[in-house]
């Protein structure tokens, strides 16, 4: 809607407006207040209506969810209500189930077998290399072979496809060489 402006007035034709200026301003203020009240009452109702989501099924059987439903499907469209927030009792029960699941999952290792006792986190485990003992010239052949096997088992997970060893293995594992052949010939496998 366009508003037409009055024709320009020539100063000699200018006539004072009847009534006081405050009366005119009060009328403009009343219109503004009425407009604000209208917006304050009508817009929330429109916004509330626009936020309703409807479920409807078209002719091909496809289910649709939207705020706007085509005219031909308005008879079959159903408004969806948001779920009610959980009660305090429901929240308490959910917390209990969560704690039970955590306890149950902590009692099972990655292979699905029960664990005797939960392992402490890696950061709190005592730092030590495996095997904890290194052989020397006085070590008997059977012990030396056992330490060698432990060392190989420790390095096993750190071996690469090409046969190399990852550098972090040396922070966890001690290197134990094979028992001397001349001394432990019958114990070497």
Protein backbone atom coordinates (compact mmCIF):
# COMPACT_ATOMS: atom_id res chain seq x y z
CA UNK A 1 0.00 0.00 0.00
CA UNK A 2 1.53 3.25 -1.04
CA UNK A 3 0.83 6.49 0.69
CA UNK A 4 0.33 9.60 -1.34
CA UNK A 5 1.98 12.73 -0.14
CA UNK A 6 0.01 15.97 -0.08
CA UNK A 7 0.96 18.52 -2.69
CA UNK A 8 3.71 20.85 -1.59
CA UNK A 9 2.45 23.94 0.13
CA UNK A 10 3.51 27.39 -0.69
CA UNK A 11 4.45 29.43 2.37
CA UNK A 12 1.84 32.07 1.62
CA UNK A 13 -0.87 29.37 1.59
CA UNK A 14 0.30 27.72 4.78
CA UNK A 15 -2.37 27.58 7.41
CA UNK A 16 -1.86 26.49 10.99
CA UNK A 17 -3.36 23.14 11.99
CA UNK A 18 -6.26 23.28 14.35
CA UNK A 19 -5.65 21.79 17.82
CA UNK A 20 -2.57 21.43 19.88
CA UNK A 21 0.52 19.48 18.86
CA UNK A 22 0.28 17.22 21.91
CA UNK A 23 -3.13 15.96 20.83
CA UNK A 24 -1.74 14.90 17.45
CA UNK A 25 1.22 13.18 19.10
CA UNK A 26 -1.11 11.34 21.49
CA UNK A 27 -3.10 9.98 18.55
CA UNK A 28 0.09 8.68 16.90
CA UNK A 29 1.20 7.15 20.16
CA UNK A 30 -2.15 5.37 20.56
CA UNK A 31 -1.78 3.86 17.08
CA UNK A 32 1.73 2.67 17.92
CA UNK A 33 0.58 1.08 21.16
CA UNK A 34 -2.27 -0.64 19.34
CA UNK A 35 0.15 -1.98 16.74
CA UNK A 36 2.52 -3.27 19.45
CA UNK A 37 -0.35 -4.94 21.29
CA UNK A 38 -1.49 -6.57 18.07
CA UNK A 39 2.01 -7.89 17.38
CA UNK A 40 2.38 -9.01 20.99
CA UNK A 41 -0.85 -11.01 20.89
CA UNK A 42 -0.98 -12.36 17.36
CA UNK A 43 2.66 -13.18 16.63
CA UNK A 44 3.16 -15.65 19.51
CA UNK A 45 0.03 -17.51 18.43
CA UNK A 46 1.31 -17.67 14.84
CA UNK A 47 4.76 -18.76 16.02
CA UNK A 48 3.28 -21.48 18.24
CA UNK A 49 1.17 -22.75 15.37
CA UNK A 50 4.17 -22.76 13.01
CA UNK A 51 6.25 -24.85 15.41
CA UNK A 52 3.76 -27.76 15.34
CA UNK A 53 5.07 -30.66 13.32
CA UNK A 54 2.61 -32.88 11.51
CA UNK A 55 2.86 -36.46 10.27
CA UNK A 56 1.05 -37.26 7.06
CA UNK A 57 1.10 -39.95 4.36
CA UNK A 58 0.90 -39.08 0.66
CA UNK A 59 -0.74 -41.06 -2.18
CA UNK A 60 2.33 -43.25 -2.73
CA UNK A 61 2.44 -44.29 0.93
CA UNK A 62 5.48 -42.18 1.83
CA UNK A 63 5.39 -40.76 5.36
CA UNK A 64 6.18 -37.06 5.69
CA UNK A 65 6.95 -34.90 8.72
CA UNK A 66 6.64 -31.15 8.27
CA UNK A 67 5.17 -27.96 9.67
CA UNK A 68 3.21 -27.31 6.50
CA UNK A 69 0.76 -29.91 5.20
CA UNK A 70 -0.65 -29.72 1.65
CA UNK A 71 -4.35 -28.97 1.54
CA UNK A 72 -5.36 -32.40 0.26
CA UNK A 73 -3.67 -34.21 3.19
CA UNK A 74 -4.84 -31.97 6.05
CA UNK A 75 -7.67 -34.34 6.98
CA UNK A 76 -5.25 -37.21 7.62
CA UNK A 77 -2.37 -35.19 9.09
CA UNK A 78 -1.73 -35.74 12.81
CA UNK A 79 0.12 -33.23 14.99
CA UNK A 80 3.12 -34.68 16.82
CA UNK A 81 3.56 -33.84 20.46
CA UNK A 82 7.07 -33.59 21.87
CA UNK A 83 7.75 -36.23 24.51
CA UNK A 84 7.21 -35.16 28.08
CA UNK A 85 10.44 -34.55 30.00
CA UNK A 86 11.41 -37.48 32.23
CA UNK A 87 10.29 -37.39 35.82
CA UNK A 88 12.77 -37.35 38.69
CA UNK A 89 12.09 -41.06 39.28
CA UNK A 90 12.76 -41.92 35.63
CA UNK A 91 16.03 -39.94 35.73
CA UNK A 92 17.10 -41.77 38.89
CA UNK A 93 16.34 -45.17 37.32
CA UNK A 94 18.28 -44.24 34.18
CA UNK A 95 21.31 -43.24 36.29
CA UNK A 96 21.15 -46.59 38.12
CA UNK A 97 21.00 -48.52 34.83
CA UNK A 98 23.97 -46.53 33.53
CA UNK A 99 26.04 -47.35 36.63
CA UNK A 100 25.13 -51.05 36.34
CA UNK A 101 26.13 -51.13 32.66
CA UNK A 102 29.44 -49.43 33.43
CA UNK A 103 30.20 -51.94 36.18
CA UNK A 104 29.25 -54.84 33.93
CA UNK A 105 31.36 -53.62 31.00
CA UNK A 106 34.35 -53.04 33.28
CA UNK A 107 34.13 -56.68 34.41
CA UNK A 108 34.50 -58.05 30.83
CA UNK A 109 37.70 -57.84 28.76
CA UNK A 110 37.88 -57.33 24.99
CA UNK A 111 37.54 -61.07 24.25
CA UNK A 112 34.28 -61.20 26.21
CA UNK A 113 35.79 -63.15 29.12
CA UNK A 114 35.29 -62.01 32.72
CA UNK A 115 38.22 -60.23 34.29
CA UNK A 116 39.33 -61.30 37.77
CA UNK A 117 39.98 -57.72 38.90
CA UNK A 118 39.89 -54.46 37.00
CA UNK A 119 43.30 -53.34 35.71
CA UNK A 120 44.53 -49.96 36.88
CA UNK A 121 44.90 -47.34 34.15
CA UNK A 122 48.20 -47.39 32.25
CA UNK A 123 49.29 -44.13 33.85
CA UNK A 124 49.04 -45.59 37.37
CA UNK A 125 50.76 -48.93 36.64
CA UNK A 126 54.28 -49.24 37.97
CA UNK A 127 56.83 -48.57 35.29
CA UNK A 128 59.03 -51.58 34.63
CA UNK A 129 60.36 -53.46 31.67
CA UNK A 130 59.73 -57.10 30.85
CA UNK A 131 61.40 -59.36 31.62
CA UNK A 132 62.30 -57.76 34.91
CA UNK A 133 65.56 -59.70 35.19
CA UNK A 134 68.45 -59.81 32.70
CA UNK A 135 70.70 -62.86 32.32
CA UNK A 136 74.41 -62.73 33.13
CA UNK A 137 77.27 -65.27 32.98
CA UNK A 138 76.06 -67.03 36.15
CA UNK A 139 72.47 -67.49 34.87
CA UNK A 140 71.62 -71.15 34.23
CA UNK A 141 70.51 -72.13 30.73
CA UNK A 142 66.90 -72.89 31.64
CA UNK A 143 66.39 -69.44 33.22
CA UNK A 144 68.18 -67.75 30.32
CA UNK A 145 65.83 -69.48 27.84
CA UNK A 146 62.78 -68.44 29.90
CA UNK A 147 63.97 -64.79 29.97
CA UNK A 148 64.62 -64.91 26.22
CA UNK A 149 61.08 -66.24 25.60
CA UNK A 150 59.60 -63.49 27.82
CA UNK A 151 61.54 -60.85 25.92
CA UNK A 152 60.33 -62.19 22.57
CA UNK A 153 56.73 -62.27 23.85
CA UNK A 154 57.08 -58.66 25.03
CA UNK A 155 58.43 -57.46 21.66
CA UNK A 156 55.81 -59.46 19.69
CA UNK A 157 53.03 -56.84 19.60
CA UNK A 158 55.55 -54.18 18.51
CA UNK A 159 56.79 -56.07 15.45
CA UNK A 160 55.98 -54.63 12.02
CA UNK A 161 54.96 -56.53 8.91
CA UNK A 162 58.46 -56.20 7.49
CA UNK A 163 60.01 -57.78 10.61
CA UNK A 164 61.17 -54.54 12.26
CA UNK A 165 60.39 -53.39 15.78
CA UNK A 166 58.63 -50.15 16.70
CA UNK A 167 60.73 -47.77 18.80
CA UNK A 168 58.24 -47.62 21.68
CA UNK A 169 58.89 -51.32 22.37
CA UNK A 170 62.25 -50.49 23.94
CA UNK A 171 60.51 -48.42 26.62
CA UNK A 172 58.51 -51.49 27.68
CA UNK A 173 60.71 -54.51 26.88
CA UNK A 174 64.24 -55.53 27.83
CA UNK A 175 66.36 -57.07 25.09
CA UNK A 176 67.48 -60.58 26.00
CA UNK A 177 69.72 -62.33 23.47
CA UNK A 178 69.52 -66.05 22.82
CA UNK A 179 71.33 -68.27 25.30
CA UNK A 180 74.93 -68.95 24.23
CA UNK A 181 75.05 -71.99 21.97
CA UNK A 182 78.30 -73.40 23.32
CA UNK A 183 76.98 -73.38 26.87
CA UNK A 184 73.25 -74.14 26.44
CA UNK A 185 73.17 -76.31 23.34
CA UNK A 186 70.60 -78.81 24.61
CA UNK A 187 68.20 -76.08 25.89
CA UNK A 188 67.95 -74.12 22.65
CA UNK A 189 64.76 -74.82 20.81
